[in-house]
Amino acid sequence: MAKGYWIGRVNVHNEEGYKPYAAANAAIFKKFGAKFVVRAGKFECPEGAARSRNVVIEFPDYATALACYHSPEYQQNIKVRQPHSVADILIIEGYDGPQP
């Protein structure tokens, strides 16, 4: 079964206000078996528009990735994040087919 992923692109305009959101995510993500694959590392954007932070979070499967996003805990935590940042979040099913 293919894994599920969140791809997040975020601009934070209030670091102190954003910290409670990031701290609360640990328990939420643990509940859904998530792990960070990319967490705000160095990047280059050769095409398109970039945001200052990029995150890729892996879940056991697509349904779990969706369930985490729609969970009451995460929906409440979004309200903590929104006044302090702008984010694009994409939830996507991983590819589990043949490779080159």
C-alpha atoms as a PDB file:
ATOM      1  CA  MET A   1       0.000   0.000   0.000  1.00  0.00           C
ATOM      2  CA  ALA A   2       1.297   3.434  -0.948  1.00  0.00           C
ATOM      3  CA  LYS A   3       2.155   5.883   1.790  1.00  0.00           C
ATOM      4  CA  GLY A   4       0.424   9.227   2.181  1.00  0.00           C
ATOM      5  CA  TYR A   5       2.180  12.577   2.404  1.00  0.00           C
ATOM      6  CA  TRP A   6       1.575  16.136   3.402  1.00  0.00           C
ATOM      7  CA  ILE A   7       3.573  18.677   1.441  1.00  0.00           C
ATOM      8  CA  GLY A   8       3.559  22.002   3.221  1.00  0.00           C
ATOM      9  CA  ARG A   9       4.915  25.327   2.049  1.00  0.00           C
ATOM     10  CA  VAL A  10       4.808  28.028   4.711  1.00  0.00           C
ATOM     11  CA  ASN A  11       5.716  31.662   5.237  1.00  0.00           C
ATOM     12  CA  VAL A  12       5.834  32.532   8.936  1.00  0.00           C
ATOM     13  CA  HIS A  13       5.504  36.213   9.793  1.00  0.00           C
ATOM     14  CA  ASN A  14       5.402  35.824  13.597  1.00  0.00           C
ATOM     15  CA  GLU A  15       7.870  33.225  14.893  1.00  0.00           C
ATOM     16  CA  GLU A  16       6.775  33.457  18.540  1.00  0.00           C
ATOM     17  CA  GLY A  17       3.121  33.069  17.648  1.00  0.00           C
ATOM     18  CA  TYR A  18       3.912  30.075  15.407  1.00  0.00           C
ATOM     19  CA  LYS A  19       5.844  28.108  18.062  1.00  0.00           C
ATOM     20  CA  PRO A  20       2.744  26.777  19.932  1.00  0.00           C
ATOM     21  CA  TYR A  21       1.406  25.372  16.650  1.00  0.00           C
ATOM     22  CA  ALA A  22       4.649  23.544  15.899  1.00  0.00           C
ATOM     23  CA  ALA A  23       4.881  22.208  19.469  1.00  0.00           C
ATOM     24  CA  ALA A  24       1.307  20.863  19.448  1.00  0.00           C
ATOM     25  CA  ASN A  25       1.887  19.024  16.166  1.00  0.00           C
ATOM     26  CA  ALA A  26       4.209  16.468  17.798  1.00  0.00           C
ATOM     27  CA  ALA A  27       1.391  14.703  19.685  1.00  0.00           C
ATOM     28  CA  ILE A  28      -1.004  14.970  16.754  1.00  0.00           C
ATOM     29  CA  PHE A  29       1.442  13.520  14.245  1.00  0.00           C
ATOM     30  CA  LYS A  30       2.506  10.753  16.638  1.00  0.00           C
ATOM     31  CA  LYS A  31      -1.133   9.673  17.015  1.00  0.00           C
ATOM     32  CA  PHE A  32      -1.333   9.189  13.231  1.00  0.00           C
ATOM     33  CA  GLY A  33       2.054   7.472  12.804  1.00  0.00           C
ATOM     34  CA  ALA A  34       3.574  10.395  10.900  1.00  0.00           C
ATOM     35  CA  LYS A  35       7.243  11.188  10.422  1.00  0.00           C
ATOM     36  CA  PHE A  36       9.052  14.153   8.950  1.00  0.00           C
ATOM     37  CA  VAL A  37      10.859  13.470   5.679  1.00  0.00           C
ATOM     38  CA  VAL A  38      11.709  17.131   5.024  1.00  0.00           C
ATOM     39  CA  ARG A  39      11.577  19.802   7.684  1.00  0.00           C
ATOM     40  CA  ALA A  40      12.667  23.295   6.615  1.00  0.00           C
ATOM     41  CA  GLY A  41      16.071  22.310   5.185  1.00  0.00           C
ATOM     42  CA  LYS A  42      18.090  24.184   2.597  1.00  0.00           C
ATOM     43  CA  PHE A  43      16.331  24.488  -0.749  1.00  0.00           C
ATOM     44  CA  GLU A  44      16.481  26.090  -4.148  1.00  0.00           C
ATOM     45  CA  CYS A  45      13.434  27.014  -6.224  1.00  0.00           C
ATOM     46  CA  PRO A  46      14.503  26.980  -9.875  1.00  0.00           C
ATOM     47  CA  GLU A  47      10.903  27.368 -11.113  1.00  0.00           C
ATOM     48  CA  GLY A  48       7.705  28.856  -9.718  1.00  0.00           C
ATOM     49  CA  ALA A  49       7.148  30.693  -6.458  1.00  0.00           C
ATOM     50  CA  ALA A  50       8.646  29.577  -3.161  1.00  0.00           C
ATOM     51  CA  ARG A  51       7.718  29.979   0.471  1.00  0.00           C
ATOM     52  CA  SER A  52      10.342  30.258   3.197  1.00  0.00           C
ATOM     53  CA  ARG A  53       9.689  26.802   4.750  1.00  0.00           C
ATOM     54  CA  ASN A  54       8.991  23.452   3.145  1.00  0.00           C
ATOM     55  CA  VAL A  55       7.843  20.321   4.948  1.00  0.00           C
ATOM     56  CA  VAL A  56       7.116  16.773   3.790  1.00  0.00           C
ATOM     57  CA  ILE A  57       5.415  14.514   6.327  1.00  0.00           C
ATOM     58  CA  GLU A  58       4.969  10.797   5.659  1.00  0.00           C
ATOM     59  CA  PHE A  59       1.958   8.805   6.885  1.00  0.00           C
ATOM     60  CA  PRO A  60       1.335   5.053   6.745  1.00  0.00           C
ATOM     61  CA  ASP A  61      -1.168   5.600   3.898  1.00  0.00           C
ATOM     62  CA  TYR A  62      -3.248   8.251   2.127  1.00  0.00           C
ATOM     63  CA  ALA A  63      -6.356   7.659   4.273  1.00  0.00           C
ATOM     64  CA  THR A  64      -4.329   8.267   7.445  1.00  0.00           C
ATOM     65  CA  ALA A  65      -2.849  11.467   5.995  1.00  0.00           C
ATOM     66  CA  LEU A  66      -6.368  12.728   5.303  1.00  0.00           C
ATOM     67  CA  ALA A  67      -7.643  11.603   8.715  1.00  0.00           C
ATOM     68  CA  CYS A  68      -4.857  13.499  10.478  1.00  0.00           C
ATOM     69  CA  TYR A  69      -5.622  16.722   8.606  1.00  0.00           C
ATOM     70  CA  HIS A  70      -9.346  16.448   9.287  1.00  0.00           C
ATOM     71  CA  SER A  71      -8.942  15.376  12.922  1.00  0.00           C
ATOM     72  CA  PRO A  72     -10.432  17.679  15.563  1.00  0.00           C
ATOM     73  CA  GLU A  73      -6.967  18.100  17.100  1.00  0.00           C
ATOM     74  CA  TYR A  74      -5.349  19.329  13.905  1.00  0.00           C
ATOM     75  CA  GLN A  75      -8.323  21.466  12.898  1.00  0.00           C
ATOM     76  CA  GLN A  76      -8.038  23.226  16.262  1.00  0.00           C
ATOM     77  CA  ASN A  77      -4.289  23.641  15.794  1.00  0.00           C
ATOM     78  CA  ILE A  78      -4.788  25.273  12.384  1.00  0.00           C
ATOM     79  CA  LYS A  79      -6.503  28.121  14.232  1.00  0.00           C
ATOM     80  CA  VAL A  80      -3.307  28.618  16.261  1.00  0.00           C
ATOM     81  CA  ARG A  81      -1.168  28.753  13.092  1.00  0.00           C
ATOM     82  CA  GLN A  82      -3.281  30.935  10.822  1.00  0.00           C
ATOM     83  CA  PRO A  83      -2.769  34.346  12.461  1.00  0.00           C
ATOM     84  CA  HIS A  84       1.003  33.870  12.286  1.00  0.00           C
ATOM     85  CA  SER A  85       1.627  32.331   8.868  1.00  0.00           C
ATOM     86  CA  VAL A  86       0.409  31.626   5.361  1.00  0.00           C
ATOM     87  CA  ALA A  87       0.528  28.017   4.224  1.00  0.00           C
ATOM     88  CA  ASP A  88      -0.152  25.800   1.243  1.00  0.00           C
ATOM     89  CA  ILE A  89      -0.821  22.187   2.292  1.00  0.00           C
ATOM     90  CA  LEU A  90      -1.127  19.386  -0.220  1.00  0.00           C
ATOM     91  CA  ILE A  91      -2.144  15.861   0.791  1.00  0.00           C
ATOM     92  CA  ILE A  92      -1.023  13.303  -1.758  1.00  0.00           C
ATOM     93  CA  GLU A  93      -0.822   9.560  -2.210  1.00  0.00           C
ATOM     94  CA  GLY A  94       2.687   8.204  -2.701  1.00  0.00           C
ATOM     95  CA  TYR A  95       3.701   6.225  -5.761  1.00  0.00           C
ATOM     96  CA  ASP A  96       4.079   2.503  -5.211  1.00  0.00           C
ATOM     97  CA  GLY A  97       4.549   1.368  -8.833  1.00  0.00           C
ATOM     98  CA  PRO A  98       7.495   0.388 -11.006  1.00  0.00           C
ATOM     99  CA  GLN A  99      10.589   2.557 -10.966  1.00  0.00           C
ATOM    100  CA  PRO A 100      12.940   3.359 -13.842  1.00  0.00           C
END
